[in-house]
Each structure stands twice: as structure tokens, then as C-alpha cells.
Amino acid sequence: MNCRIIFLICLLLASAGVARSQSADEAAIRRVVTQLFTGMEKGDSAMVHAAFTPTVTMATVYRDKTDAPTLRRESSLDEFLKAVGTPHPQIWYEEIWNVKVQIDGDFAQAWCDYAFYVGDTFSHCGVDAFQLFRDKQGAWKIFHLADTRRKTGCNIPKEIERKHIRGHIDYGIKRSYDLGSTPAESLPSPGSFGYRRWNGGRIGW
């Protein structure tokens, strides 16, 4: 076996090892994000807290009433955890799709489209962006979370719309997209503190 063939075999083996490592990291990152929103659904602030680094930043980008671009820095992690643990009259659903994960060493980001529902009533849509860090113990943690918000141009997948339409039919309530007087930017953030469904009746992964 000549040297060139040996070199190619070694290169292929190294590439396969990198791919396996990337795949394992991506799976770990998705588990962290899933943990975050499972904790939100359950109102388990400890589960949510475990998904973050000790210091976290949060932000929302939206258009204000004058249609001016606006960046709003969100409250502290403590306020976020308090919001998660506070009971709500209706479940906040944040359905996601087009999930993308990028990794460079100990840094990663996850990006996805989302649609936010209060119960089964559509509220707004946008993009969620998570930035993560791999700590000394090898655990991925979220250190930054941001979202955008709008009420039009959502391109929500039909399976998500059907899911919430069925919810209204099941409870004998007429489907409505009436957003009322509450502006999207005034709802809790980031990502509306909502509940995201991932795979298996879950969208996106």
C-alpha cells in the first residue's frame, strides 16, 4: 500500500472522527434547549436554571408603534426564572421549525423560526437565537438568548397551524386570530418564555 493511499485512509478516519464529535455535540446542544423549554412547560425553574451559565444576557428586536427598529435588553435571569415559575391561565406554546446548529470548538449557536400561541390563539412569530458555551465539565450551557417579533410574514408550517386548529375544535371554541390590544413586544421574553415542541409531535428537529 503506497503512502498516498495510507494518507487518504488516515484523512478519512480523522474526518469521520470529527463528524462523530460534531454530531454528539449537536445532540447535546439540542438536549439543553429541550431541557430549557421542558422546564418552562412544567414551571420547573430549577430545570430551566440548569440550562444556563451563571451570567446570562437576553434581548428582543422588534418594530415599535412608529415602525422604528427597536432593541430591548431583557431582565435578569432571576426575573426570567420567576416568570417561568409563575402560573399562567393558558399554556404559552412556542412552536419552532428550521432549526440550525453551528459549532466552533467550545462555542455554538442554535437558530430557528418560531410561532407563539397563547393557548391555541396565534400571537406573533419571529426567530429565536441561542448562544452556548461548553464549560470545564464538558456541559453545554446557554449564555445568550435573543428573539425577533412580528405578527405577519410568518410562513408557519401547515402541521403547526392544524395542530392549533384541532385544539380549538376539541374544546368547541371557534378559531380566531384576533390578537387583541396586547402588542407582541409587551409579552414576556426572550422567546416569550414559551413552550416549544421539538420532535415526535414536535416540529423542527
N, C-alpha and C. Protein backbone atom coordinates (compact mmCIF):
# COMPACT_ATOMS: atom_id res chain seq x y z
N MET A 1 0.86 -1.19 0.00
CA MET A 1 0.00 0.00 0.00
C MET A 1 0.89 1.24 0.00
N ASN A 2 0.71 2.11 -1.02
CA ASN A 2 1.61 3.25 -1.10
C ASN A 2 1.24 4.34 -0.10
N CYS A 3 2.14 5.29 0.04
CA CYS A 3 1.97 6.34 1.06
C CYS A 3 0.74 7.20 0.82
N ARG A 4 0.42 7.41 -0.46
CA ARG A 4 -0.73 8.26 -0.77
C ARG A 4 -2.03 7.63 -0.28
N ILE A 5 -2.18 6.33 -0.49
CA ILE A 5 -3.38 5.62 -0.05
C ILE A 5 -3.48 5.64 1.47
N ILE A 6 -2.34 5.41 2.14
CA ILE A 6 -2.32 5.44 3.61
C ILE A 6 -2.75 6.82 4.12
N PHE A 7 -2.22 7.86 3.46
CA PHE A 7 -2.57 9.23 3.86
C PHE A 7 -4.07 9.48 3.70
N LEU A 8 -4.65 9.03 2.59
CA LEU A 8 -6.07 9.23 2.34
C LEU A 8 -6.93 8.49 3.37
N ILE A 9 -6.50 7.27 3.72
CA ILE A 9 -7.23 6.50 4.74
C ILE A 9 -7.20 7.22 6.08
N CYS A 10 -6.03 7.72 6.46
CA CYS A 10 -5.91 8.45 7.73
C CYS A 10 -6.77 9.71 7.72
N LEU A 11 -6.79 10.39 6.57
CA LEU A 11 -7.59 11.61 6.45
C LEU A 11 -9.07 11.31 6.60
N LEU A 12 -9.52 10.22 5.96
CA LEU A 12 -10.93 9.83 6.06
C LEU A 12 -11.31 9.45 7.48
N LEU A 13 -10.42 8.72 8.16
CA LEU A 13 -10.69 8.33 9.54
C LEU A 13 -10.77 9.55 10.45
N ALA A 14 -9.86 10.51 10.23
CA ALA A 14 -9.88 11.73 11.04
C ALA A 14 -11.16 12.52 10.80
N SER A 15 -11.57 12.60 9.53
CA SER A 15 -12.80 13.33 9.19
C SER A 15 -14.01 12.68 9.82
N ALA A 16 -14.04 11.34 9.82
CA ALA A 16 -15.15 10.61 10.43
C ALA A 16 -15.21 10.88 11.93
N GLY A 17 -14.03 10.95 12.56
CA GLY A 17 -13.99 11.22 14.00
C GLY A 17 -14.51 12.61 14.32
N VAL A 18 -14.14 13.60 13.50
CA VAL A 18 -14.62 14.97 13.70
C VAL A 18 -16.13 15.03 13.52
N ALA A 19 -16.64 14.33 12.49
CA ALA A 19 -18.08 14.32 12.22
C ALA A 19 -18.85 13.71 13.40
N ARG A 20 -18.31 12.61 13.96
CA ARG A 20 -18.96 11.99 15.12
C ARG A 20 -18.99 12.93 16.31
N SER A 21 -17.87 13.65 16.51
CA SER A 21 -17.78 14.59 17.62
C SER A 21 -18.78 15.73 17.45
N GLN A 22 -18.86 16.26 16.23
CA GLN A 22 -19.81 17.34 15.94
C GLN A 22 -21.24 16.87 16.15
N SER A 23 -21.52 15.63 15.71
CA SER A 23 -22.87 15.08 15.86
C SER A 23 -23.24 14.94 17.34
N ALA A 24 -22.29 14.47 18.15
CA ALA A 24 -22.53 14.31 19.59
C ALA A 24 -22.75 15.66 20.25
N ASP A 25 -21.96 16.66 19.86
CA ASP A 25 -22.12 18.00 20.42
C ASP A 25 -23.46 18.60 20.03
N GLU A 26 -23.85 18.41 18.77
CA GLU A 26 -25.14 18.95 18.32
C GLU A 26 -26.29 18.32 19.10
N ALA A 27 -26.21 17.01 19.31
CA ALA A 27 -27.25 16.33 20.09
C ALA A 27 -27.29 16.87 21.52
N ALA A 28 -26.12 17.13 22.11
CA ALA A 28 -26.06 17.67 23.47
C ALA A 28 -26.66 19.07 23.54
N ILE A 29 -26.39 19.88 22.52
CA ILE A 29 -26.93 21.24 22.47
C ILE A 29 -28.45 21.21 22.37
N ARG A 30 -28.95 20.32 21.54
CA ARG A 30 -30.41 20.20 21.39
C ARG A 30 -31.06 19.73 22.69
N ARG A 31 -30.36 18.87 23.42
CA ARG A 31 -30.91 18.41 24.70
C ARG A 31 -31.00 19.56 25.69
N VAL A 32 -29.99 20.44 25.69
CA VAL A 32 -30.02 21.59 26.60
C VAL A 32 -31.20 22.50 26.29
N VAL A 33 -31.41 22.78 25.00
CA VAL A 33 -32.53 23.64 24.62
C VAL A 33 -33.86 22.97 24.94
N THR A 34 -33.94 21.66 24.70
CA THR A 34 -35.14 20.91 25.05
C THR A 34 -35.39 20.97 26.55
N GLN A 35 -34.32 20.81 27.34
CA GLN A 35 -34.43 20.89 28.80
C GLN A 35 -34.99 22.24 29.23
N LEU A 36 -34.50 23.30 28.60
CA LEU A 36 -34.96 24.65 28.93
C LEU A 36 -36.47 24.76 28.77
N PHE A 37 -36.99 24.31 27.63
CA PHE A 37 -38.41 24.52 27.36
C PHE A 37 -39.30 23.47 28.00
N THR A 38 -38.74 22.30 28.29
CA THR A 38 -39.49 21.34 29.10
C THR A 38 -39.69 21.89 30.51
N GLY A 39 -38.63 22.52 31.04
CA GLY A 39 -38.74 23.15 32.34
C GLY A 39 -39.76 24.27 32.35
N MET A 40 -39.82 25.05 31.26
CA MET A 40 -40.82 26.11 31.16
C MET A 40 -42.23 25.54 31.17
N GLU A 41 -42.43 24.47 30.39
CA GLU A 41 -43.76 23.86 30.33
C GLU A 41 -44.20 23.38 31.70
N LYS A 42 -43.27 22.80 32.45
CA LYS A 42 -43.59 22.25 33.76
C LYS A 42 -43.59 23.30 34.87
N GLY A 43 -43.10 24.49 34.55
CA GLY A 43 -42.96 25.50 35.59
C GLY A 43 -41.85 25.16 36.57
N ASP A 44 -40.84 24.41 36.09
CA ASP A 44 -39.73 23.94 36.92
C ASP A 44 -38.54 24.89 36.73
N SER A 45 -38.43 25.89 37.58
CA SER A 45 -37.37 26.89 37.43
C SER A 45 -35.98 26.30 37.65
N ALA A 46 -35.86 25.25 38.46
CA ALA A 46 -34.56 24.62 38.68
C ALA A 46 -34.06 23.94 37.40
N MET A 47 -34.97 23.28 36.69
CA MET A 47 -34.61 22.65 35.42
C MET A 47 -34.18 23.69 34.40
N VAL A 48 -34.90 24.80 34.37
CA VAL A 48 -34.57 25.89 33.46
C VAL A 48 -33.21 26.49 33.83
N HIS A 49 -33.00 26.74 35.11
CA HIS A 49 -31.76 27.35 35.59
C HIS A 49 -30.55 26.53 35.18
N ALA A 50 -30.68 25.21 35.21
CA ALA A 50 -29.57 24.32 34.89
C ALA A 50 -29.13 24.40 33.43
N ALA A 51 -29.95 25.00 32.58
CA ALA A 51 -29.60 25.11 31.16
C ALA A 51 -28.70 26.31 30.87
N PHE A 52 -28.52 27.19 31.86
CA PHE A 52 -27.80 28.45 31.64
C PHE A 52 -26.46 28.50 32.36
N THR A 53 -25.58 29.37 31.85
CA THR A 53 -24.38 29.76 32.58
C THR A 53 -24.79 30.69 33.72
N PRO A 54 -23.90 30.95 34.69
CA PRO A 54 -24.25 31.83 35.81
C PRO A 54 -24.65 33.24 35.37
N THR A 55 -24.00 33.75 34.32
CA THR A 55 -24.32 35.09 33.81
C THR A 55 -24.94 34.95 32.42
N VAL A 56 -26.11 35.56 32.25
CA VAL A 56 -26.86 35.42 31.00
C VAL A 56 -27.31 36.78 30.50
N THR A 57 -27.31 36.97 29.18
CA THR A 57 -27.89 38.16 28.57
C THR A 57 -29.05 37.75 27.67
N MET A 58 -30.05 38.64 27.58
CA MET A 58 -31.24 38.37 26.79
C MET A 58 -31.67 39.65 26.08
N ALA A 59 -32.26 39.49 24.89
CA ALA A 59 -32.68 40.67 24.13
C ALA A 59 -33.81 40.33 23.18
N THR A 60 -34.58 41.36 22.81
CA THR A 60 -35.65 41.24 21.82
C THR A 60 -35.51 42.36 20.80
N VAL A 61 -35.68 42.02 19.52
CA VAL A 61 -35.66 43.00 18.43
C VAL A 61 -37.04 43.04 17.80
N TYR A 62 -37.61 44.24 17.67
CA TYR A 62 -38.95 44.37 17.10
C TYR A 62 -39.14 45.77 16.55
N ARG A 63 -40.27 46.00 15.87
CA ARG A 63 -40.65 47.32 15.38
C ARG A 63 -41.65 47.94 16.36
N ASP A 64 -41.39 49.18 16.78
CA ASP A 64 -42.31 49.82 17.72
C ASP A 64 -43.54 50.38 17.00
N LYS A 65 -44.39 51.12 17.70
CA LYS A 65 -45.65 51.62 17.12
C LYS A 65 -45.43 52.59 15.98
N THR A 66 -44.23 53.19 15.92
CA THR A 66 -43.92 54.10 14.81
C THR A 66 -43.17 53.38 13.70
N ASP A 67 -43.07 52.05 13.81
CA ASP A 67 -42.37 51.20 12.85
C ASP A 67 -40.86 51.42 12.87
N ALA A 68 -40.34 51.91 13.98
CA ALA A 68 -38.90 52.10 14.12
C ALA A 68 -38.27 50.83 14.69
N PRO A 69 -37.11 50.40 14.15
CA PRO A 69 -36.42 49.24 14.71
C PRO A 69 -36.04 49.49 16.16
N THR A 70 -36.31 48.52 17.02
CA THR A 70 -36.08 48.68 18.46
C THR A 70 -35.38 47.47 19.03
N LEU A 71 -34.35 47.72 19.83
CA LEU A 71 -33.64 46.66 20.56
C LEU A 71 -33.95 46.83 22.04
N ARG A 72 -34.52 45.80 22.64
CA ARG A 72 -34.84 45.85 24.07
C ARG A 72 -34.02 44.82 24.82
N ARG A 73 -33.21 45.28 25.75
CA ARG A 73 -32.48 44.38 26.63
C ARG A 73 -33.44 43.84 27.67
N GLU A 74 -33.38 42.54 27.89
CA GLU A 74 -34.33 41.92 28.81
C GLU A 74 -33.81 41.89 30.24
N SER A 75 -34.68 41.49 31.14
CA SER A 75 -34.35 41.49 32.57
C SER A 75 -33.37 40.37 32.90
N SER A 76 -33.01 40.28 34.15
CA SER A 76 -32.02 39.32 34.60
C SER A 76 -32.54 37.88 34.54
N LEU A 77 -31.63 36.94 34.69
CA LEU A 77 -32.01 35.54 34.72
C LEU A 77 -32.97 35.26 35.87
N ASP A 78 -32.76 35.93 37.00
CA ASP A 78 -33.65 35.74 38.15
C ASP A 78 -35.10 36.08 37.79
N GLU A 79 -35.28 37.18 37.07
CA GLU A 79 -36.63 37.57 36.65
C GLU A 79 -37.21 36.56 35.67
N PHE A 80 -36.36 36.05 34.80
CA PHE A 80 -36.76 35.03 33.85
C PHE A 80 -37.25 33.78 34.59
N LEU A 81 -36.48 33.33 35.56
CA LEU A 81 -36.85 32.14 36.33
C LEU A 81 -38.14 32.37 37.12
N LYS A 82 -38.31 33.58 37.63
CA LYS A 82 -39.54 33.91 38.35
C LYS A 82 -40.74 33.83 37.41
N ALA A 83 -40.58 34.32 36.18
CA ALA A 83 -41.67 34.27 35.20
C ALA A 83 -42.02 32.83 34.85
N VAL A 84 -40.99 31.99 34.73
CA VAL A 84 -41.22 30.58 34.41
C VAL A 84 -42.05 29.91 35.50
N GLY A 85 -41.75 30.22 36.75
CA GLY A 85 -42.42 29.56 37.86
C GLY A 85 -43.78 30.14 38.23
N THR A 86 -44.16 31.24 37.57
CA THR A 86 -45.46 31.86 37.87
C THR A 86 -46.56 31.20 37.05
N PRO A 87 -47.63 30.70 37.68
CA PRO A 87 -48.71 30.03 36.93
C PRO A 87 -49.36 30.96 35.91
N HIS A 88 -49.77 30.39 34.75
CA HIS A 88 -50.43 31.14 33.69
C HIS A 88 -51.81 30.55 33.44
N PRO A 89 -52.81 31.38 33.13
CA PRO A 89 -54.15 30.85 32.86
C PRO A 89 -54.21 29.97 31.62
N GLN A 90 -53.31 30.22 30.66
CA GLN A 90 -53.23 29.39 29.46
C GLN A 90 -51.77 29.04 29.21
N ILE A 91 -51.54 27.90 28.58
CA ILE A 91 -50.18 27.49 28.24
C ILE A 91 -49.65 28.38 27.13
N TRP A 92 -48.39 28.77 27.23
CA TRP A 92 -47.73 29.51 26.16
C TRP A 92 -46.99 28.51 25.29
N TYR A 93 -47.44 28.37 24.06
CA TYR A 93 -46.79 27.45 23.12
C TYR A 93 -45.89 28.23 22.17
N GLU A 94 -44.67 27.82 22.06
CA GLU A 94 -43.78 28.43 21.07
C GLU A 94 -43.28 27.32 20.16
N GLU A 95 -43.92 27.21 19.00
CA GLU A 95 -43.62 26.16 18.03
C GLU A 95 -42.44 26.59 17.17
N ILE A 96 -41.50 25.68 16.93
CA ILE A 96 -40.32 26.05 16.16
C ILE A 96 -40.13 25.14 14.96
N TRP A 97 -39.38 25.66 13.98
CA TRP A 97 -39.02 24.87 12.78
C TRP A 97 -37.76 25.50 12.18
N ASN A 98 -37.21 24.82 11.15
CA ASN A 98 -35.96 25.28 10.51
C ASN A 98 -34.83 25.47 11.53
N VAL A 99 -34.64 24.48 12.39
CA VAL A 99 -33.60 24.58 13.42
C VAL A 99 -32.22 24.35 12.80
N LYS A 100 -31.28 25.23 13.13
CA LYS A 100 -29.90 25.11 12.63
C LYS A 100 -28.95 25.25 13.82
N VAL A 101 -27.96 24.36 13.88
CA VAL A 101 -26.95 24.41 14.94
C VAL A 101 -25.57 24.54 14.31
N GLN A 102 -24.77 25.48 14.79
CA GLN A 102 -23.40 25.67 14.32
C GLN A 102 -22.45 25.60 15.52
N ILE A 103 -21.31 24.94 15.32
CA ILE A 103 -20.37 24.71 16.43
C ILE A 103 -18.96 25.06 15.99
N ASP A 104 -18.23 25.75 16.86
CA ASP A 104 -16.81 26.01 16.64
C ASP A 104 -16.10 25.83 17.98
N GLY A 105 -15.52 24.66 18.18
CA GLY A 105 -14.84 24.38 19.44
C GLY A 105 -15.81 24.37 20.61
N ASP A 106 -15.58 25.29 21.54
CA ASP A 106 -16.41 25.36 22.75
C ASP A 106 -17.52 26.40 22.65
N PHE A 107 -17.76 26.89 21.45
CA PHE A 107 -18.82 27.87 21.21
C PHE A 107 -19.81 27.31 20.21
N ALA A 108 -21.10 27.58 20.43
CA ALA A 108 -22.12 27.10 19.50
C ALA A 108 -23.30 28.07 19.48
N GLN A 109 -24.06 28.00 18.40
CA GLN A 109 -25.31 28.75 18.35
C GLN A 109 -26.39 27.91 17.68
N ALA A 110 -27.61 28.10 18.14
CA ALA A 110 -28.78 27.44 17.55
C ALA A 110 -29.73 28.55 17.11
N TRP A 111 -30.33 28.35 15.94
CA TRP A 111 -31.16 29.38 15.33
C TRP A 111 -32.41 28.71 14.78
N CYS A 112 -33.58 29.28 14.98
CA CYS A 112 -34.81 28.66 14.48
C CYS A 112 -35.91 29.70 14.29
N ASP A 113 -36.86 29.38 13.41
CA ASP A 113 -38.09 30.15 13.29
C ASP A 113 -39.05 29.69 14.38
N TYR A 114 -39.95 30.59 14.80
CA TYR A 114 -40.93 30.18 15.80
C TYR A 114 -42.26 30.90 15.58
N ALA A 115 -43.32 30.31 16.12
CA ALA A 115 -44.64 30.95 16.20
C ALA A 115 -45.15 30.79 17.62
N PHE A 116 -45.62 31.86 18.20
CA PHE A 116 -46.04 31.87 19.60
C PHE A 116 -47.56 31.89 19.69
N TYR A 117 -48.10 30.99 20.52
CA TYR A 117 -49.54 30.89 20.74
C TYR A 117 -49.85 31.02 22.23
N VAL A 118 -50.91 31.74 22.54
CA VAL A 118 -51.44 31.76 23.90
C VAL A 118 -52.63 30.81 23.89
N GLY A 119 -52.46 29.66 24.53
CA GLY A 119 -53.42 28.58 24.33
C GLY A 119 -53.32 28.15 22.88
N ASP A 120 -54.40 28.28 22.12
CA ASP A 120 -54.37 27.98 20.70
C ASP A 120 -54.55 29.23 19.85
N THR A 121 -54.45 30.39 20.44
CA THR A 121 -54.60 31.63 19.69
C THR A 121 -53.25 32.18 19.28
N PHE A 122 -53.05 32.37 17.98
CA PHE A 122 -51.78 32.89 17.47
C PHE A 122 -51.53 34.30 18.00
N SER A 123 -50.29 34.57 18.42
CA SER A 123 -49.91 35.89 18.91
C SER A 123 -48.90 36.56 17.99
N HIS A 124 -47.74 35.91 17.78
CA HIS A 124 -46.70 36.51 16.95
C HIS A 124 -45.69 35.44 16.54
N CYS A 125 -44.76 35.85 15.70
CA CYS A 125 -43.73 34.92 15.22
C CYS A 125 -42.40 35.65 15.14
N GLY A 126 -41.36 34.93 14.75
CA GLY A 126 -40.04 35.53 14.62
C GLY A 126 -38.96 34.47 14.57
N VAL A 127 -37.79 34.85 15.06
CA VAL A 127 -36.63 33.96 15.11
C VAL A 127 -36.10 33.92 16.53
N ASP A 128 -35.72 32.74 16.99
CA ASP A 128 -35.02 32.57 18.27
C ASP A 128 -33.55 32.27 17.98
N ALA A 129 -32.65 32.88 18.74
CA ALA A 129 -31.21 32.63 18.59
C ALA A 129 -30.61 32.36 19.97
N PHE A 130 -29.95 31.21 20.10
CA PHE A 130 -29.30 30.81 21.35
C PHE A 130 -27.79 30.76 21.12
N GLN A 131 -27.01 31.27 22.05
CA GLN A 131 -25.56 31.09 22.03
C GLN A 131 -25.16 30.29 23.26
N LEU A 132 -24.29 29.31 23.03
CA LEU A 132 -23.93 28.36 24.09
C LEU A 132 -22.42 28.25 24.24
N PHE A 133 -22.01 27.87 25.45
CA PHE A 133 -20.60 27.69 25.81
C PHE A 133 -20.43 26.32 26.45
N ARG A 134 -19.35 25.61 26.08
CA ARG A 134 -19.05 24.33 26.72
C ARG A 134 -18.12 24.59 27.89
N ASP A 135 -18.57 24.26 29.11
CA ASP A 135 -17.80 24.60 30.30
C ASP A 135 -16.71 23.56 30.60
N LYS A 136 -16.02 23.73 31.73
CA LYS A 136 -14.89 22.85 32.08
C LYS A 136 -15.33 21.42 32.31
N GLN A 137 -16.58 21.23 32.65
CA GLN A 137 -17.11 19.87 32.85
C GLN A 137 -17.60 19.25 31.55
N GLY A 138 -17.47 19.99 30.45
CA GLY A 138 -17.90 19.47 29.15
C GLY A 138 -19.38 19.64 28.88
N ALA A 139 -20.07 20.42 29.72
CA ALA A 139 -21.52 20.62 29.55
C ALA A 139 -21.79 21.89 28.75
N TRP A 140 -22.70 21.80 27.80
CA TRP A 140 -23.11 22.97 27.03
C TRP A 140 -24.14 23.77 27.84
N LYS A 141 -23.93 25.10 27.92
CA LYS A 141 -24.83 25.98 28.66
C LYS A 141 -25.15 27.20 27.80
N ILE A 142 -26.37 27.70 27.93
CA ILE A 142 -26.80 28.90 27.21
C ILE A 142 -26.31 30.14 27.95
N PHE A 143 -25.61 31.04 27.23
CA PHE A 143 -25.18 32.29 27.87
C PHE A 143 -25.83 33.52 27.23
N HIS A 144 -26.48 33.34 26.09
CA HIS A 144 -27.21 34.45 25.47
C HIS A 144 -28.42 33.91 24.73
N LEU A 145 -29.53 34.64 24.85
CA LEU A 145 -30.78 34.23 24.20
C LEU A 145 -31.48 35.48 23.69
N ALA A 146 -31.83 35.47 22.39
CA ALA A 146 -32.48 36.64 21.79
C ALA A 146 -33.57 36.18 20.84
N ASP A 147 -34.51 37.08 20.55
CA ASP A 147 -35.57 36.76 19.59
C ASP A 147 -36.01 38.01 18.85
N THR A 148 -36.65 37.79 17.69
CA THR A 148 -37.33 38.86 16.96
C THR A 148 -38.82 38.61 17.06
N ARG A 149 -39.63 39.66 16.78
CA ARG A 149 -41.08 39.50 16.91
C ARG A 149 -41.80 40.28 15.81
N ARG A 150 -42.79 39.63 15.21
CA ARG A 150 -43.67 40.28 14.25
C ARG A 150 -44.97 39.50 14.22
N LYS A 151 -45.99 40.07 13.57
CA LYS A 151 -47.30 39.42 13.52
C LYS A 151 -47.68 38.99 12.11
N THR A 152 -46.86 39.32 11.11
CA THR A 152 -47.15 38.95 9.73
C THR A 152 -45.90 38.34 9.09
N GLY A 153 -46.09 37.72 7.92
CA GLY A 153 -44.97 37.13 7.20
C GLY A 153 -44.34 35.97 7.92
N CYS A 154 -45.16 35.16 8.58
CA CYS A 154 -44.63 34.10 9.44
C CYS A 154 -44.30 32.80 8.70
N ASN A 155 -45.05 32.49 7.64
CA ASN A 155 -44.85 31.23 6.90
C ASN A 155 -44.84 30.02 7.84
N ILE A 156 -45.85 29.94 8.67
CA ILE A 156 -45.95 28.85 9.64
C ILE A 156 -46.28 27.54 8.93
N PRO A 157 -45.55 26.47 9.20
CA PRO A 157 -45.86 25.17 8.58
C PRO A 157 -47.30 24.75 8.85
N LYS A 158 -47.91 24.12 7.85
CA LYS A 158 -49.32 23.73 7.95
C LYS A 158 -49.58 22.79 9.12
N GLU A 159 -48.61 21.91 9.43
CA GLU A 159 -48.84 20.96 10.53
C GLU A 159 -48.96 21.68 11.88
N ILE A 160 -48.27 22.81 12.01
CA ILE A 160 -48.39 23.59 13.24
C ILE A 160 -49.75 24.27 13.31
N GLU A 161 -50.17 24.88 12.20
CA GLU A 161 -51.48 25.53 12.18
C GLU A 161 -52.59 24.53 12.44
N ARG A 162 -52.49 23.35 11.80
CA ARG A 162 -53.52 22.32 12.00
C ARG A 162 -53.57 21.87 13.46
N LYS A 163 -52.41 21.78 14.09
CA LYS A 163 -52.34 21.35 15.49
C LYS A 163 -53.16 22.28 16.39
N HIS A 164 -53.05 23.57 16.16
CA HIS A 164 -53.77 24.53 17.00
C HIS A 164 -55.22 24.68 16.58
N ILE A 165 -55.52 24.49 15.32
CA ILE A 165 -56.92 24.47 14.88
C ILE A 165 -57.64 23.31 15.54
N ARG A 166 -57.00 22.14 15.57
CA ARG A 166 -57.60 20.97 16.24
C ARG A 166 -57.84 21.27 17.71
N GLY A 167 -56.94 21.99 18.33
CA GLY A 167 -57.11 22.33 19.73
C GLY A 167 -58.37 23.13 19.96
N HIS A 168 -58.67 24.06 19.07
CA HIS A 168 -59.90 24.84 19.20
C HIS A 168 -61.13 23.98 18.94
N ILE A 169 -61.05 23.09 17.93
CA ILE A 169 -62.18 22.23 17.63
C ILE A 169 -62.47 21.30 18.81
N ASP A 170 -61.40 20.75 19.40
CA ASP A 170 -61.56 19.82 20.52
C ASP A 170 -62.30 20.45 21.69
N TYR A 171 -62.09 21.75 21.90
CA TYR A 171 -62.72 22.42 23.03
C TYR A 171 -63.96 23.22 22.63
N GLY A 172 -64.41 23.05 21.37
CA GLY A 172 -65.63 23.71 20.92
C GLY A 172 -65.52 25.21 20.85
N ILE A 173 -64.31 25.71 20.62
CA ILE A 173 -64.09 27.15 20.55
C ILE A 173 -63.76 27.52 19.11
N LYS A 174 -64.39 28.57 18.61
CA LYS A 174 -64.16 29.00 17.24
C LYS A 174 -62.73 29.51 17.08
N ARG A 175 -62.08 29.09 15.99
CA ARG A 175 -60.72 29.52 15.70
C ARG A 175 -60.68 31.03 15.49
N SER A 176 -59.70 31.70 16.09
CA SER A 176 -59.62 33.14 15.93
C SER A 176 -58.17 33.58 15.92
N TYR A 177 -57.84 34.52 15.04
CA TYR A 177 -56.52 35.12 15.03
C TYR A 177 -56.56 36.54 15.59
N ASP A 178 -57.62 36.83 16.37
CA ASP A 178 -57.75 38.14 16.98
C ASP A 178 -56.63 38.32 18.00
N LEU A 179 -55.75 39.26 17.75
CA LEU A 179 -54.60 39.46 18.62
C LEU A 179 -54.89 40.41 19.76
N GLY A 180 -56.09 41.00 19.74
CA GLY A 180 -56.44 41.89 20.83
C GLY A 180 -55.58 43.14 20.84
N SER A 181 -55.47 43.77 21.99
CA SER A 181 -54.75 45.04 22.10
C SER A 181 -53.35 44.87 22.66
N THR A 182 -52.94 43.63 22.94
CA THR A 182 -51.63 43.40 23.54
C THR A 182 -50.56 43.33 22.47
N PRO A 183 -49.62 44.28 22.41
CA PRO A 183 -48.56 44.23 21.40
C PRO A 183 -47.60 43.09 21.68
N ALA A 184 -47.06 42.51 20.61
CA ALA A 184 -46.16 41.36 20.77
C ALA A 184 -44.97 41.71 21.65
N GLU A 185 -44.47 42.96 21.51
CA GLU A 185 -43.25 43.30 22.25
C GLU A 185 -43.47 43.40 23.75
N SER A 186 -44.75 43.46 24.19
CA SER A 186 -45.02 43.58 25.62
C SER A 186 -45.14 42.23 26.31
N LEU A 187 -45.16 41.15 25.52
CA LEU A 187 -45.24 39.82 26.11
C LEU A 187 -43.91 39.44 26.73
N PRO A 188 -43.90 38.46 27.65
CA PRO A 188 -42.65 38.03 28.27
C PRO A 188 -41.62 37.59 27.24
N SER A 189 -40.38 37.72 27.57
CA SER A 189 -39.30 37.41 26.65
C SER A 189 -38.12 36.91 27.46
N PRO A 190 -37.09 36.30 26.85
CA PRO A 190 -36.93 36.05 25.44
C PRO A 190 -37.72 34.85 24.99
N GLY A 191 -38.00 34.79 23.71
CA GLY A 191 -38.75 33.68 23.17
C GLY A 191 -40.09 33.55 23.84
N SER A 192 -40.55 34.62 24.46
CA SER A 192 -41.86 34.69 25.10
C SER A 192 -42.01 33.79 26.31
N PHE A 193 -40.89 33.26 26.82
CA PHE A 193 -40.94 32.33 27.95
C PHE A 193 -41.88 31.19 27.61
N GLY A 194 -41.98 30.86 26.33
CA GLY A 194 -42.99 29.90 25.89
C GLY A 194 -42.57 28.46 26.00
N TYR A 195 -43.42 27.62 25.45
CA TYR A 195 -43.16 26.18 25.41
C TYR A 195 -42.96 25.78 23.98
N ARG A 196 -41.82 25.19 23.66
CA ARG A 196 -41.53 24.78 22.31
C ARG A 196 -41.68 23.28 22.20
N ARG A 197 -42.26 22.84 21.11
CA ARG A 197 -42.36 21.41 20.85
C ARG A 197 -41.28 21.04 19.86
N TRP A 198 -40.54 20.01 20.19
CA TRP A 198 -39.46 19.59 19.31
C TRP A 198 -39.94 18.39 18.50
N ASN A 199 -39.32 17.29 18.48
CA ASN A 199 -39.78 16.21 17.60
C ASN A 199 -40.73 15.26 18.27
N GLY A 200 -41.35 14.42 17.45
CA GLY A 200 -42.24 13.37 17.88
C GLY A 200 -43.56 13.96 18.30
N GLY A 201 -44.30 14.58 17.41
CA GLY A 201 -45.35 15.53 17.73
C GLY A 201 -44.68 16.84 17.92
N ARG A 202 -43.44 16.91 17.51
CA ARG A 202 -42.67 18.11 17.75
C ARG A 202 -42.06 18.54 16.44
N ILE A 203 -41.98 19.81 16.25
CA ILE A 203 -41.56 20.34 14.97
C ILE A 203 -40.10 20.77 15.04
N GLY A 204 -39.35 20.47 13.99
CA GLY A 204 -38.06 21.12 13.83
C GLY A 204 -36.83 20.25 13.89
N TRP A 205 -36.79 19.26 14.78
CA TRP A 205 -35.52 18.54 14.89
C TRP A 205 -35.47 17.46 13.85
